[in-house]
Protein backbone atom coordinates (compact mmCIF):
# COMPACT_ATOMS: atom_id res chain seq x y z
CA MET A 1 90.75 130.24 107.19
CA VAL A 2 92.46 130.99 103.87
CA ARG A 3 90.19 132.66 101.37
CA GLU A 4 89.95 130.13 98.57
CA GLU A 5 89.86 132.80 95.81
CA LEU A 6 93.36 133.86 96.83
CA VAL A 7 94.77 130.36 96.42
CA ASN A 8 93.95 129.60 92.83
CA TRP A 9 96.52 126.98 91.88
CA LYS A 10 95.81 127.60 88.19
CA GLU A 11 97.22 131.15 88.45
CA GLN A 12 100.12 131.41 86.00
CA PRO A 13 102.75 132.34 88.64
CA LEU A 14 101.81 129.27 90.70
CA VAL A 15 101.72 126.95 87.67
CA ARG A 16 105.16 128.17 86.64
CA TRP A 17 106.57 127.85 90.17
CA LEU A 18 105.18 124.42 91.02
CA GLY A 19 105.98 123.15 87.53
CA SER A 20 109.67 123.61 88.27
CA ILE A 21 109.49 121.26 91.30
CA THR A 22 109.90 117.55 90.63
CA ARG A 23 109.00 115.78 93.89
CA GLU A 24 105.33 115.62 94.83
CA SER A 25 106.14 115.63 98.53
CA THR A 26 108.05 118.91 98.10
CA LYS A 27 105.16 120.38 96.17
CA ALA A 28 102.75 119.43 98.94
CA THR A 29 104.93 121.14 101.58
CA TYR A 30 105.37 124.24 99.43
CA ARG A 31 101.64 124.47 98.82
CA SER A 32 101.03 124.36 102.57
CA GLY A 33 103.56 127.15 103.14
CA PHE A 34 102.13 129.30 100.36
CA ARG A 35 98.57 128.92 101.65
CA LEU A 36 99.69 130.35 104.96
CA TYR A 37 101.60 133.15 103.21
CA VAL A 38 98.43 134.10 101.36
CA GLU A 39 96.53 134.04 104.64
CA TYR A 40 99.17 136.29 106.20
CA THR A 41 99.41 138.83 103.35
CA GLY A 42 95.85 138.77 102.04
CA MET A 43 97.27 138.86 98.51
CA ASN A 44 97.17 136.40 95.64
CA ALA A 45 100.15 135.07 93.69
CA THR A 46 99.93 137.62 90.87
CA GLN A 47 99.71 140.52 93.29
CA LEU A 48 102.71 139.25 95.25
CA VAL A 49 104.82 138.89 92.11
CA ASP A 50 103.83 142.34 90.81
CA GLU A 51 104.72 143.92 94.14
CA ALA A 52 108.09 142.16 94.26
CA LEU A 53 109.04 143.00 90.68
CA GLU A 54 108.05 146.62 91.07
CA ASP A 55 110.31 147.01 94.09
CA HIS A 56 113.05 144.98 92.39
CA LYS A 57 113.21 147.45 89.47
CA ARG A 58 113.55 150.53 91.61
CA ASP A 59 116.67 152.57 92.14
CA PRO A 60 118.52 150.96 95.08
CA ARG A 61 118.11 154.21 97.01
CA LEU A 62 114.33 153.96 96.70
CA LYS A 63 113.83 150.25 97.32
CA THR A 64 111.64 149.27 100.28
CA ASP A 65 112.80 145.64 100.52
CA VAL A 66 109.13 144.81 100.77
CA VAL A 67 109.65 141.08 100.17
CA LYS A 68 112.31 140.80 102.89
CA GLN A 69 110.04 142.65 105.33
CA ARG A 70 107.12 140.39 104.43
CA LEU A 71 109.21 137.25 104.93
CA ILE A 72 110.47 138.37 108.34
CA GLY A 73 106.92 139.29 109.36
CA PHE A 74 105.66 135.98 107.98
CA TYR A 75 108.16 134.05 110.10
CA ASN A 76 107.12 135.86 113.27
CA TRP A 77 103.46 135.35 112.41
CA LEU A 78 104.05 131.64 111.85
CA MET A 79 105.79 131.32 115.21
CA ASN A 80 103.15 133.21 117.22
CA GLU A 81 99.84 133.52 115.39
CA ALA A 82 99.51 130.88 112.65
CA PRO A 83 96.85 128.25 113.39
CA LYS A 84 98.41 125.09 114.82
CA ARG A 85 96.45 122.16 113.47
CA LYS A 86 96.11 118.62 114.76
CA ALA A 87 98.42 116.15 113.03
CA GLY A 88 96.90 113.65 110.64
CA GLY A 89 95.11 115.94 108.23
CA SER A 90 91.88 116.54 110.17
CA GLY A 91 92.48 120.28 110.06
CA GLU A 92 91.34 120.79 113.66
CA VAL A 93 92.92 123.91 115.17
CA ILE A 94 94.47 123.15 118.54
CA GLY A 95 96.41 126.35 119.24
CA LYS A 96 98.57 129.09 117.79
CA GLY A 97 102.11 129.03 116.42
CA ILE A 98 104.05 126.29 114.66
CA SER A 99 107.57 124.97 115.30
CA SER A 100 110.58 127.05 114.30
CA LYS A 101 111.74 124.27 111.98
CA MET A 102 108.42 124.22 110.15
CA ALA A 103 108.42 128.03 110.00
CA HIS A 104 111.87 127.98 108.37
CA CYS A 105 110.58 125.40 105.88
CA TYR A 106 107.59 127.54 104.93
CA VAL A 107 109.69 130.71 104.59
CA GLY A 108 112.00 128.68 102.32
CA ALA A 109 108.98 127.70 100.22
CA VAL A 110 107.97 131.32 99.73
CA ARG A 111 111.56 132.31 98.89
CA SER A 112 111.48 129.57 96.25
CA PHE A 113 108.28 131.13 94.85
CA TYR A 114 109.91 134.55 94.52
CA GLY A 115 113.09 133.01 93.12
CA THR A 116 111.10 131.66 90.17
CA PHE A 117 110.75 135.31 89.07
CA ASP A 118 114.39 136.21 89.81
CA VAL A 119 113.58 137.94 93.07
CA TYR A 120 116.15 136.51 95.49
CA VAL A 121 115.95 137.46 99.15
CA LYS A 122 118.94 136.92 101.43
CA LEU A 123 118.04 136.68 105.07
CA ARG A 124 121.38 137.09 106.82
CA GLY A 125 123.12 139.38 109.23
CA ARG A 126 120.53 141.48 111.04
CA SER A 127 117.84 140.00 108.81
CA ALA A 128 118.77 136.40 109.62
CA LEU A 129 115.99 134.28 111.09
CA PRO A 130 116.70 132.59 114.43
CA LYS A 131 118.13 129.09 114.04
CA PRO A 132 115.40 126.47 114.23
CA ARG A 133 115.08 124.58 117.46
CA VAL A 134 115.20 120.87 116.71
CA VAL A 135 112.16 119.24 118.31
CA ASN A 136 111.21 116.88 115.51
CA ARG A 137 114.02 114.36 115.59
CA ARG A 138 113.33 111.09 113.85
CA MET A 139 113.56 107.93 115.89
CA ILE A 140 116.39 105.49 115.30
CA LEU A 141 114.54 102.18 115.27
CA SER A 142 115.81 98.75 116.32
CA ASN A 143 114.53 95.47 114.93
CA VAL A 144 112.44 95.23 118.12
CA ASP A 145 110.77 98.55 117.25
CA VAL A 146 110.15 97.51 113.66
CA LYS A 147 108.60 94.23 114.76
CA ARG A 148 106.23 96.28 116.91
CA LEU A 149 105.28 98.40 113.90
CA VAL A 150 104.81 95.37 111.65
CA ASP A 151 102.61 93.66 114.24
CA HIS A 152 100.20 96.64 114.02
CA CYS A 153 99.99 96.84 110.21
CA ARG A 154 96.46 96.55 108.84
CA SER A 155 97.47 94.83 105.58
CA ILE A 156 100.01 92.43 104.12
CA ARG A 157 101.10 95.20 101.74
CA ASP A 158 101.91 97.61 104.58
CA ARG A 159 103.93 94.93 106.34
CA ALA A 160 105.94 94.30 103.14
CA VAL A 161 106.46 98.06 102.62
CA ILE A 162 107.92 98.59 106.09
CA LEU A 163 110.21 95.56 105.91
CA THR A 164 111.40 96.47 102.43
CA MET A 165 112.42 99.97 103.51
CA PHE A 166 113.98 98.88 106.81
CA GLN A 167 116.01 95.98 105.39
CA SER A 168 117.25 97.83 102.28
CA GLY A 169 117.64 101.46 103.36
CA MET A 170 115.89 102.75 100.24
CA ASP A 171 114.10 106.07 100.34
CA VAL A 172 110.36 106.43 99.82
CA SER A 173 110.60 107.77 96.28
CA THR A 174 112.66 104.73 95.23
CA LEU A 175 110.20 102.44 97.00
CA CYS A 176 107.29 103.97 95.07
CA SER A 177 109.15 103.50 91.76
CA LEU A 178 109.75 99.77 92.28
CA LYS A 179 108.35 97.44 89.62
CA VAL A 180 107.36 93.82 89.97
CA GLY A 181 110.26 92.88 87.70
CA ASP A 182 112.75 94.33 90.19
CA VAL A 183 112.09 91.47 92.63
CA ALA A 184 110.21 88.69 90.79
CA GLU A 185 113.18 86.62 89.55
CA GLY A 186 115.13 86.87 92.80
CA LEU A 187 112.09 85.82 94.80
CA ALA A 188 111.46 82.88 92.47
CA ARG A 189 115.06 81.71 92.96
CA ASN A 190 114.82 82.23 96.72
CA ASP A 191 117.89 84.47 96.61
CA HIS A 192 119.17 85.33 100.05
CA PRO A 193 119.89 88.12 100.39
CA LEU A 194 118.01 89.39 97.35
CA LYS A 195 120.08 91.89 95.37
CA LEU A 196 118.07 94.93 94.22
CA ASP A 197 119.45 96.93 91.28
CA LEU A 198 117.98 100.38 91.80
CA TYR A 199 117.82 103.87 90.42
CA ARG A 200 117.28 106.68 92.91
CA PRO A 201 115.15 109.36 91.22
CA LYS A 202 116.12 112.05 93.72
CA THR A 203 119.84 111.98 92.88
CA GLY A 204 119.87 110.13 89.57
CA THR A 205 122.10 107.47 91.16
CA GLU A 206 122.34 103.85 90.01
CA TYR A 207 123.20 101.46 92.82
CA TYR A 208 122.22 98.22 94.49
CA THR A 209 121.29 97.12 97.96
CA PHE A 210 119.91 93.89 99.46
CA LEU A 211 116.72 92.58 101.02
CA GLY A 212 116.85 90.23 103.98
CA ARG A 213 114.75 87.12 104.47
CA ASP A 214 111.97 88.95 106.35
CA ALA A 215 111.39 91.41 103.55
CA CYS A 216 111.51 88.66 100.93
CA GLU A 217 108.93 86.61 102.83
CA GLY A 218 106.81 89.74 103.21
CA LEU A 219 106.94 90.40 99.46
CA LYS A 220 106.08 86.77 98.64
CA ALA A 221 103.09 86.93 100.95
CA TYR A 222 101.96 90.18 99.35
CA LEU A 223 102.29 88.93 95.77
CA ASN A 224 100.53 85.66 96.65
CA ASP A 225 97.73 87.68 98.23
CA LEU A 226 97.28 89.69 95.02
CA LYS A 227 97.25 86.48 93.01
CA ALA A 228 94.60 84.96 95.28
CA LYS A 229 92.49 88.09 94.71
CA GLY A 230 92.76 87.69 90.95
CA ILE A 231 95.09 90.65 90.43
CA SER A 232 97.51 89.99 87.57
CA HIS A 233 100.84 91.63 88.24
CA GLU A 234 103.10 92.07 85.18
CA PRO A 235 106.85 92.81 85.37
CA ASN A 236 106.42 96.50 84.45
CA ASP A 237 103.55 97.08 86.90
CA PRO A 238 104.18 98.98 90.12
CA LEU A 239 105.23 96.54 92.85
CA PHE A 240 103.11 98.12 95.56
CA LEU A 241 99.54 99.00 94.57
CA LYS A 242 97.12 101.42 96.15
CA GLU A 243 94.37 99.77 98.16
CA SER A 244 91.18 101.07 99.71
CA MET A 245 88.45 99.65 101.91
CA LYS A 246 86.54 98.61 98.78
CA ALA A 247 89.09 97.32 96.30
CA LEU A 248 92.67 97.28 95.08
CA SER A 249 93.77 99.80 92.51
CA ARG A 250 96.06 99.28 89.55
CA GLU A 251 97.92 102.44 90.47
CA GLY A 252 101.14 102.40 92.42
CA ILE A 253 101.41 103.78 95.93
CA THR A 254 102.56 107.38 96.46
CA GLU A 255 104.94 108.98 98.90
CA ASN A 256 102.04 110.67 100.72
CA LEU A 257 100.24 107.34 101.07
CA VAL A 258 103.31 105.76 102.65
CA GLN A 259 103.70 108.73 104.99
CA ASN A 260 100.06 108.46 106.09
CA MET A 261 100.30 104.68 106.53
CA LEU A 262 103.34 105.02 108.81
CA ARG A 263 101.62 107.74 110.83
CA GLU A 264 98.65 105.42 111.36
CA VAL A 265 100.89 102.51 112.36
CA ALA A 266 102.99 104.70 114.68
CA ILE A 267 99.82 105.73 116.52
CA LYS A 268 98.31 102.22 116.62
CA SER A 269 101.56 100.75 117.98
CA GLY A 270 101.73 103.37 120.71
CA PHE A 271 104.96 105.10 119.69
CA VAL A 272 103.09 108.46 119.44
CA ASP A 273 99.64 109.78 120.23
CA GLU A 274 97.17 111.15 117.71
CA ASN A 275 98.88 114.54 117.91
CA LEU A 276 102.30 112.93 117.26
CA ASN A 277 103.32 113.91 120.82
CA GLY A 278 103.23 117.58 119.82
CA ARG A 279 105.58 117.22 116.86
CA ASP A 280 105.06 118.67 113.37
CA PHE A 281 106.41 115.50 111.75
CA ASN A 282 105.95 111.83 112.42
CA PRO A 283 109.20 110.66 114.09
CA LEU A 284 108.60 107.25 112.51
CA SER A 285 108.53 108.52 108.93
CA PRO A 286 109.85 106.55 105.93
CA HIS A 287 113.17 108.35 106.36
CA ALA A 288 113.35 107.04 109.95
CA LEU A 289 113.36 103.47 108.57
CA ARG A 290 116.08 104.41 106.05
CA GLU A 291 118.16 106.23 108.66
CA SER A 292 117.80 103.32 111.09
CA PHE A 293 119.14 100.86 108.50
CA GLY A 294 122.16 103.08 107.89
CA SER A 295 122.74 103.58 111.62
CA ILE A 296 122.58 99.87 112.41
CA MET A 297 124.95 98.92 109.59
CA THR A 298 127.43 101.65 110.57
CA ASN A 299 127.33 100.71 114.24
CA LYS A 300 127.93 97.07 113.34
CA GLY A 301 131.15 97.88 111.49
CA VAL A 302 130.18 98.35 107.82
CA PRO A 303 132.45 101.02 106.27
CA ASP A 304 130.78 104.41 105.70
CA THR A 305 131.31 104.33 101.92
CA ILE A 306 129.49 100.99 101.65
CA VAL A 307 126.61 102.20 103.82
CA ASP A 308 126.37 105.32 101.64
CA PHE A 309 126.36 103.13 98.54
CA TRP A 310 123.53 100.98 99.91
CA LEU A 311 121.60 104.18 100.68
CA GLY A 312 122.00 105.45 97.10
CA HIS A 313 124.23 108.36 98.01
CA GLU A 314 126.72 109.68 95.49
CA ILE A 315 130.18 108.28 96.35
CA GLY A 316 132.08 108.86 93.10
CA GLU A 317 134.48 106.25 91.71
CA MET A 318 133.99 103.81 94.56
CA ALA A 319 130.48 103.13 93.30
CA GLU A 320 131.84 101.58 90.12
CA ALA A 321 134.11 99.28 92.12
CA TYR A 322 131.16 98.09 94.19
CA LYS A 323 128.97 97.62 91.13
CA ARG A 324 131.52 95.63 89.12
CA GLY A 325 133.72 93.57 91.36
CA LYS A 326 132.74 93.53 95.01
CA ILE A 327 129.21 92.18 94.97
CA GLU A 328 130.04 89.03 96.94
CA ASP A 329 132.00 91.03 99.53
CA LEU A 330 129.08 93.37 100.05
CA LYS A 331 126.65 90.46 100.18
CA ARG A 332 128.78 88.83 102.92
CA LEU A 333 128.86 92.07 104.92
CA TYR A 334 125.09 92.31 104.69
CA LEU A 335 124.49 88.66 105.67
CA GLU A 336 126.80 88.91 108.68
CA ARG A 337 124.67 91.77 110.01
CA GLU A 338 121.22 90.65 108.93
CA GLN A 339 120.44 89.40 112.43
CA PHE A 340 120.39 93.02 113.62
CA ILE A 341 117.67 94.02 111.13
CA SER A 342 115.69 90.77 111.33
CA ILE A 343 112.38 90.51 113.14
CA THR A 344 111.94 86.75 112.65
CA GLN A 345 115.40 85.90 113.97
CA LEU A 346 114.59 88.21 116.84
CA SER A 347 111.39 86.18 117.42
CA ALA A 348 113.38 82.94 117.36
CA ASN A 349 115.91 84.36 119.80
CA MET A 350 113.09 85.58 122.05
CA LYS A 351 111.50 82.10 121.99
CA GLU A 352 114.82 80.54 122.92
CA VAL A 353 115.27 82.99 125.78
CA LYS A 354 111.68 82.46 126.96
CA ASP A 355 112.13 78.67 126.82
CA ARG A 356 115.35 78.94 128.84
CA LEU A 357 113.61 81.26 131.31
CA GLY A 358 110.85 78.68 131.72
CA GLU A 359 113.42 75.98 132.43
CA LEU A 360 115.18 78.15 134.98
CA GLU A 361 111.91 79.03 136.72
CA LEU A 362 111.06 75.29 137.05
CA GLU A 363 114.55 74.62 138.40
CA ASN A 364 114.09 77.47 140.84
CA VAL A 365 110.82 75.95 142.13
CA ARG A 366 112.48 72.56 142.53
CA LEU A 367 115.43 74.00 144.44
CA ARG A 368 113.11 76.03 146.66
CA LYS A 369 111.25 72.82 147.56
CA GLU A 370 114.48 71.00 148.30
CA THR A 371 115.64 73.96 150.42
CA GLU A 372 112.42 73.79 152.44
CA ILE A 373 112.96 70.05 152.98
CA VAL A 374 116.55 70.70 154.10
CA LYS A 375 115.33 73.48 156.40
CA THR A 376 112.79 71.10 157.98
CA GLU A 377 115.46 68.43 158.39
CA ASN A 378 117.77 71.02 159.95
CA LEU A 379 115.10 72.01 162.44
CA GLU A 380 114.60 68.36 163.38
CA LEU A 381 118.35 67.89 163.78
CA LYS A 382 118.57 71.02 165.94
CA ALA A 383 115.73 69.72 168.14
CA ARG A 384 117.44 66.32 168.53
CA LEU A 385 120.74 68.10 169.29
CA SER A 386 119.05 70.22 171.96
CA ARG A 387 117.55 67.09 173.56
CA VAL A 388 120.95 65.32 173.56
CA GLU A 389 122.67 68.39 175.02
CA LEU A 390 120.01 68.61 177.74
CA GLU A 391 120.40 64.93 178.53
CA ILE A 392 124.21 65.35 178.72
CA THR A 393 123.77 68.18 181.18
CA GLU A 394 121.47 66.10 183.38
CA VAL A 395 123.86 63.13 183.30
CA LYS A 396 126.76 65.38 184.31
CA LYS A 397 124.78 66.72 187.24
CA ALA A 398 123.89 63.16 188.38
CA LEU A 399 127.55 62.14 188.09
CA GLU A 400 128.64 65.12 190.17
CA LYS A 401 126.21 64.13 192.95
CA LEU A 402 127.56 60.60 193.00
CA LEU A 403 131.12 61.85 193.28
CA ALA A 404 130.32 64.34 196.04
């Protein structure tokens, strides 16, 4: 276990370091990496900085490269000795050693810590870490997969969250920043598809994307549910609110909450087991929904620049053209491909197929019965034919005797 006195997050070096990081999800990952670094070194943040700065100021001929040596040792310790804990936050230790990808991530976190104090460590050449082995690939989901996820959601809100991400391609930080006013008017007008004017905090990009009918119906159901529970929802309020077993909160959902919800749904729907099938990350993360949207649209013929625009990527001057004059063209492209991201149209198609299958099975039974009747009639005809042939033979024999 990490000695708690060595991980005092109020230590000035840690306050300064974490204060320079914007995204909460990044902070959470970096904290996890630093906790393990403290466990490995047995030193606190101030001691680590002092050690690094002291070596940094030395004559190059006298430097020990202590930080580089610690980072290389830390990587090897992570791969072979670090406690491997059960996924889901229970903290249960189930073995030793973490994945190479996670080890790289944690070494990067510690390098970021040192970089805050102008101690930059280059791990290349003989000091380069082995390339991470990719074992945590995200799943590319189809509308069939997403329907399976949605069917296992425990709340109307969670259903709306999944459909909103899958049918728009927005990232989780953008989802968490949505306000009621972003969707209220379009839902009231029954816009289809619903155009969402968005700002992506991660890149500072202004863009728009669309929501299909499933997501719109999911949002309407969610907002009506809040209204029925007496929750007033103003235009500037967060669209998606936190909820617990006891009551709803007025606070908006967070990235970590969405991550945890998707982990729970992935397990309940049987895509992964409680240990995420041995992975460090949930392969059905929010980014998997976003990546799946982009993959489906690309595979169905939408130009790459338009897909990038819908995803909130920086595409330069083309973005202005899409924002000003090509809205109807982009809407048409989206509508033509909505069937591939729809779970209700999928259900309708499945019903049609099932109905047709039922009709064919009945026809099959009828034809089998008719075949049996024909077989019986054929047997009777064969028996009659045999009797006639036998009688012909006997008559011929009698005729031969008469002629003899």
